[in-house]
């Protein structure tokens, strides 16, 4: 199923580790992430361990997703395992910030070294 922006929006309950990017149309920081990180994310170890799913925040939460607190800023990246939030990154001030925080997020996954 494709969302309003052509993103993959998978219906149903989230069952594996994934990184959900909550975004809004017109968000300049979302666009910066899309330009700087988006094309390479799926090719990285981080992207392989936690594939990206994009969610339009204005469309509401996907079914079966349990968050620790509401999403207030875009972009917000939420690491999810079995439908439940493990941790999140709020905002995008640049590549170095993102990759450092993403690596730390993955340490929260079961079976991580």
C-alpha atoms as a PDB file:
ATOM      1  CA  UNK A   1       0.000   0.000   0.000  1.00  0.00           C
ATOM      2  CA  UNK A   2       1.350   3.459  -0.806  1.00  0.00           C
ATOM      3  CA  UNK A   3       0.834   6.514   1.374  1.00  0.00           C
ATOM      4  CA  UNK A   4      -0.007  10.029   0.248  1.00  0.00           C
ATOM      5  CA  UNK A   5       3.641  10.709  -0.599  1.00  0.00           C
ATOM      6  CA  UNK A   6       4.294   7.326  -2.200  1.00  0.00           C
ATOM      7  CA  UNK A   7       5.858   5.864   0.948  1.00  0.00           C
ATOM      8  CA  UNK A   8       5.333   2.255   1.874  1.00  0.00           C
ATOM      9  CA  UNK A   9       2.763   2.120   4.663  1.00  0.00           C
ATOM     10  CA  UNK A  10       2.426  -1.436   5.833  1.00  0.00           C
ATOM     11  CA  UNK A  11      -0.897  -2.214   7.399  1.00  0.00           C
ATOM     12  CA  UNK A  12      -1.217  -4.361  10.451  1.00  0.00           C
ATOM     13  CA  UNK A  13       0.882  -4.983  13.474  1.00  0.00           C
ATOM     14  CA  UNK A  14       4.583  -4.246  13.466  1.00  0.00           C
ATOM     15  CA  UNK A  15       6.410  -7.479  14.252  1.00  0.00           C
ATOM     16  CA  UNK A  16      10.134  -6.975  13.625  1.00  0.00           C
ATOM     17  CA  UNK A  17      12.698  -4.319  14.460  1.00  0.00           C
ATOM     18  CA  UNK A  18      12.270  -1.219  12.376  1.00  0.00           C
ATOM     19  CA  UNK A  19      12.984   2.472  12.519  1.00  0.00           C
ATOM     20  CA  UNK A  20       9.857   4.525  11.970  1.00  0.00           C
ATOM     21  CA  UNK A  21      10.389   8.049  10.653  1.00  0.00           C
ATOM     22  CA  UNK A  22       7.486  10.264  11.629  1.00  0.00           C
ATOM     23  CA  UNK A  23       7.344  13.248   9.301  1.00  0.00           C
ATOM     24  CA  UNK A  24       5.078  15.967   7.972  1.00  0.00           C
ATOM     25  CA  UNK A  25       4.766  17.460   4.524  1.00  0.00           C
ATOM     26  CA  UNK A  26       6.834  20.656   4.324  1.00  0.00           C
ATOM     27  CA  UNK A  27       9.154  19.777   7.239  1.00  0.00           C
ATOM     28  CA  UNK A  28      12.582  21.206   6.249  1.00  0.00           C
ATOM     29  CA  UNK A  29      14.499  18.866   8.586  1.00  0.00           C
ATOM     30  CA  UNK A  30      12.664  15.869   7.129  1.00  0.00           C
ATOM     31  CA  UNK A  31      13.727  16.973   3.660  1.00  0.00           C
ATOM     32  CA  UNK A  32      17.344  17.425   4.818  1.00  0.00           C
ATOM     33  CA  UNK A  33      17.354  13.860   6.218  1.00  0.00           C
ATOM     34  CA  UNK A  34      15.842  12.549   2.974  1.00  0.00           C
ATOM     35  CA  UNK A  35      18.617  14.203   0.980  1.00  0.00           C
ATOM     36  CA  UNK A  36      21.588  13.420   3.252  1.00  0.00           C
ATOM     37  CA  UNK A  37      20.699  10.053   4.805  1.00  0.00           C
ATOM     38  CA  UNK A  38      17.714   8.611   2.944  1.00  0.00           C
ATOM     39  CA  UNK A  39      19.543   7.206  -0.106  1.00  0.00           C
ATOM     40  CA  UNK A  40      22.237   5.437   1.923  1.00  0.00           C
ATOM     41  CA  UNK A  41      20.261   4.347   4.990  1.00  0.00           C
ATOM     42  CA  UNK A  42      19.055   0.973   3.607  1.00  0.00           C
ATOM     43  CA  UNK A  43      22.619   0.090   2.543  1.00  0.00           C
ATOM     44  CA  UNK A  44      24.096   0.525   6.046  1.00  0.00           C
ATOM     45  CA  UNK A  45      24.303  -1.963   8.921  1.00  0.00           C
ATOM     46  CA  UNK A  46      21.864   0.235  10.826  1.00  0.00           C
ATOM     47  CA  UNK A  47      19.416   0.171   7.925  1.00  0.00           C
ATOM     48  CA  UNK A  48      19.692  -3.587   7.551  1.00  0.00           C
ATOM     49  CA  UNK A  49      19.046  -4.233  11.260  1.00  0.00           C
ATOM     50  CA  UNK A  50      16.216  -1.697  11.495  1.00  0.00           C
ATOM     51  CA  UNK A  51      14.616  -1.045   8.102  1.00  0.00           C
ATOM     52  CA  UNK A  52      12.977   2.338   7.705  1.00  0.00           C
ATOM     53  CA  UNK A  53       9.250   2.906   7.560  1.00  0.00           C
ATOM     54  CA  UNK A  54       7.939   6.416   6.867  1.00  0.00           C
ATOM     55  CA  UNK A  55       4.745   7.593   8.538  1.00  0.00           C
ATOM     56  CA  UNK A  56       2.931  10.854   7.880  1.00  0.00           C
ATOM     57  CA  UNK A  57       2.296  12.146  11.401  1.00  0.00           C
ATOM     58  CA  UNK A  58      -0.869  13.896  10.232  1.00  0.00           C
ATOM     59  CA  UNK A  59      -2.328  10.524   9.154  1.00  0.00           C
ATOM     60  CA  UNK A  60      -2.186   9.163  12.720  1.00  0.00           C
ATOM     61  CA  UNK A  61      -0.396   6.235  14.284  1.00  0.00           C
ATOM     62  CA  UNK A  62      -0.234   2.904  12.498  1.00  0.00           C
ATOM     63  CA  UNK A  63      -2.332   0.157  14.108  1.00  0.00           C
ATOM     64  CA  UNK A  64      -0.543  -2.093  16.576  1.00  0.00           C
ATOM     65  CA  UNK A  65       2.109   0.473  17.504  1.00  0.00           C
ATOM     66  CA  UNK A  66       2.745   1.324  21.165  1.00  0.00           C
ATOM     67  CA  UNK A  67       4.697   4.510  21.870  1.00  0.00           C
ATOM     68  CA  UNK A  68       6.153   5.614  25.200  1.00  0.00           C
ATOM     69  CA  UNK A  69       4.935   9.187  24.630  1.00  0.00           C
ATOM     70  CA  UNK A  70       3.340  11.227  21.838  1.00  0.00           C
ATOM     71  CA  UNK A  71       5.304  12.381  18.795  1.00  0.00           C
ATOM     72  CA  UNK A  72       5.691  16.167  19.009  1.00  0.00           C
ATOM     73  CA  UNK A  73       8.479  17.017  16.532  1.00  0.00           C
ATOM     74  CA  UNK A  74       9.340  16.034  12.986  1.00  0.00           C
ATOM     75  CA  UNK A  75      11.285  14.191  12.104  1.00  0.00           C
ATOM     76  CA  UNK A  76      11.137  11.768  15.001  1.00  0.00           C
ATOM     77  CA  UNK A  77      12.735   8.366  14.497  1.00  0.00           C
ATOM     78  CA  UNK A  78      11.294   5.613  16.693  1.00  0.00           C
ATOM     79  CA  UNK A  79      13.030   2.254  17.065  1.00  0.00           C
ATOM     80  CA  UNK A  80      10.327  -0.388  17.363  1.00  0.00           C
ATOM     81  CA  UNK A  81      10.587  -4.066  18.233  1.00  0.00           C
ATOM     82  CA  UNK A  82       7.468  -6.259  18.154  1.00  0.00           C
ATOM     83  CA  UNK A  83       5.250  -3.176  17.882  1.00  0.00           C
ATOM     84  CA  UNK A  84       6.636  -1.387  20.948  1.00  0.00           C
ATOM     85  CA  UNK A  85       8.917   1.632  21.130  1.00  0.00           C
ATOM     86  CA  UNK A  86      12.389   0.946  22.491  1.00  0.00           C
ATOM     87  CA  UNK A  87      13.806   4.448  22.078  1.00  0.00           C
ATOM     88  CA  UNK A  88      13.715   7.448  19.756  1.00  0.00           C
ATOM     89  CA  UNK A  89      15.651  10.255  18.109  1.00  0.00           C
ATOM     90  CA  UNK A  90      13.843  13.587  18.062  1.00  0.00           C
ATOM     91  CA  UNK A  91      14.865  16.009  15.357  1.00  0.00           C
ATOM     92  CA  UNK A  92      17.635  16.005  12.783  1.00  0.00           C
ATOM     93  CA  UNK A  93      20.486  18.509  13.260  1.00  0.00           C
ATOM     94  CA  UNK A  94      22.819  16.692  10.860  1.00  0.00           C
ATOM     95  CA  UNK A  95      24.453  13.467   9.723  1.00  0.00           C
ATOM     96  CA  UNK A  96      26.924  13.037  12.583  1.00  0.00           C
ATOM     97  CA  UNK A  97      24.184  13.442  15.182  1.00  0.00           C
ATOM     98  CA  UNK A  98      21.913  10.980  13.398  1.00  0.00           C
ATOM     99  CA  UNK A  99      24.445   8.191  12.865  1.00  0.00           C
ATOM    100  CA  UNK A 100      25.780   8.407  16.428  1.00  0.00           C
ATOM    101  CA  UNK A 101      22.286   8.258  17.908  1.00  0.00           C
ATOM    102  CA  UNK A 102      21.169   5.520  15.482  1.00  0.00           C
ATOM    103  CA  UNK A 103      24.082   3.304  16.561  1.00  0.00           C
ATOM    104  CA  UNK A 104      23.113   3.811  20.207  1.00  0.00           C
ATOM    105  CA  UNK A 105      19.491   2.988  19.408  1.00  0.00           C
ATOM    106  CA  UNK A 106      20.476  -0.352  17.942  1.00  0.00           C
ATOM    107  CA  UNK A 107      22.180  -1.261  21.201  1.00  0.00           C
ATOM    108  CA  UNK A 108      18.642  -1.422  22.644  1.00  0.00           C
ATOM    109  CA  UNK A 109      17.691  -4.321  20.369  1.00  0.00           C
ATOM    110  CA  UNK A 110      17.648  -7.782  21.928  1.00  0.00           C
ATOM    111  CA  UNK A 111      20.781  -9.739  21.037  1.00  0.00           C
ATOM    112  CA  UNK A 112      22.914  -6.646  20.480  1.00  0.00           C
ATOM    113  CA  UNK A 113      26.514  -6.871  21.647  1.00  0.00           C
END
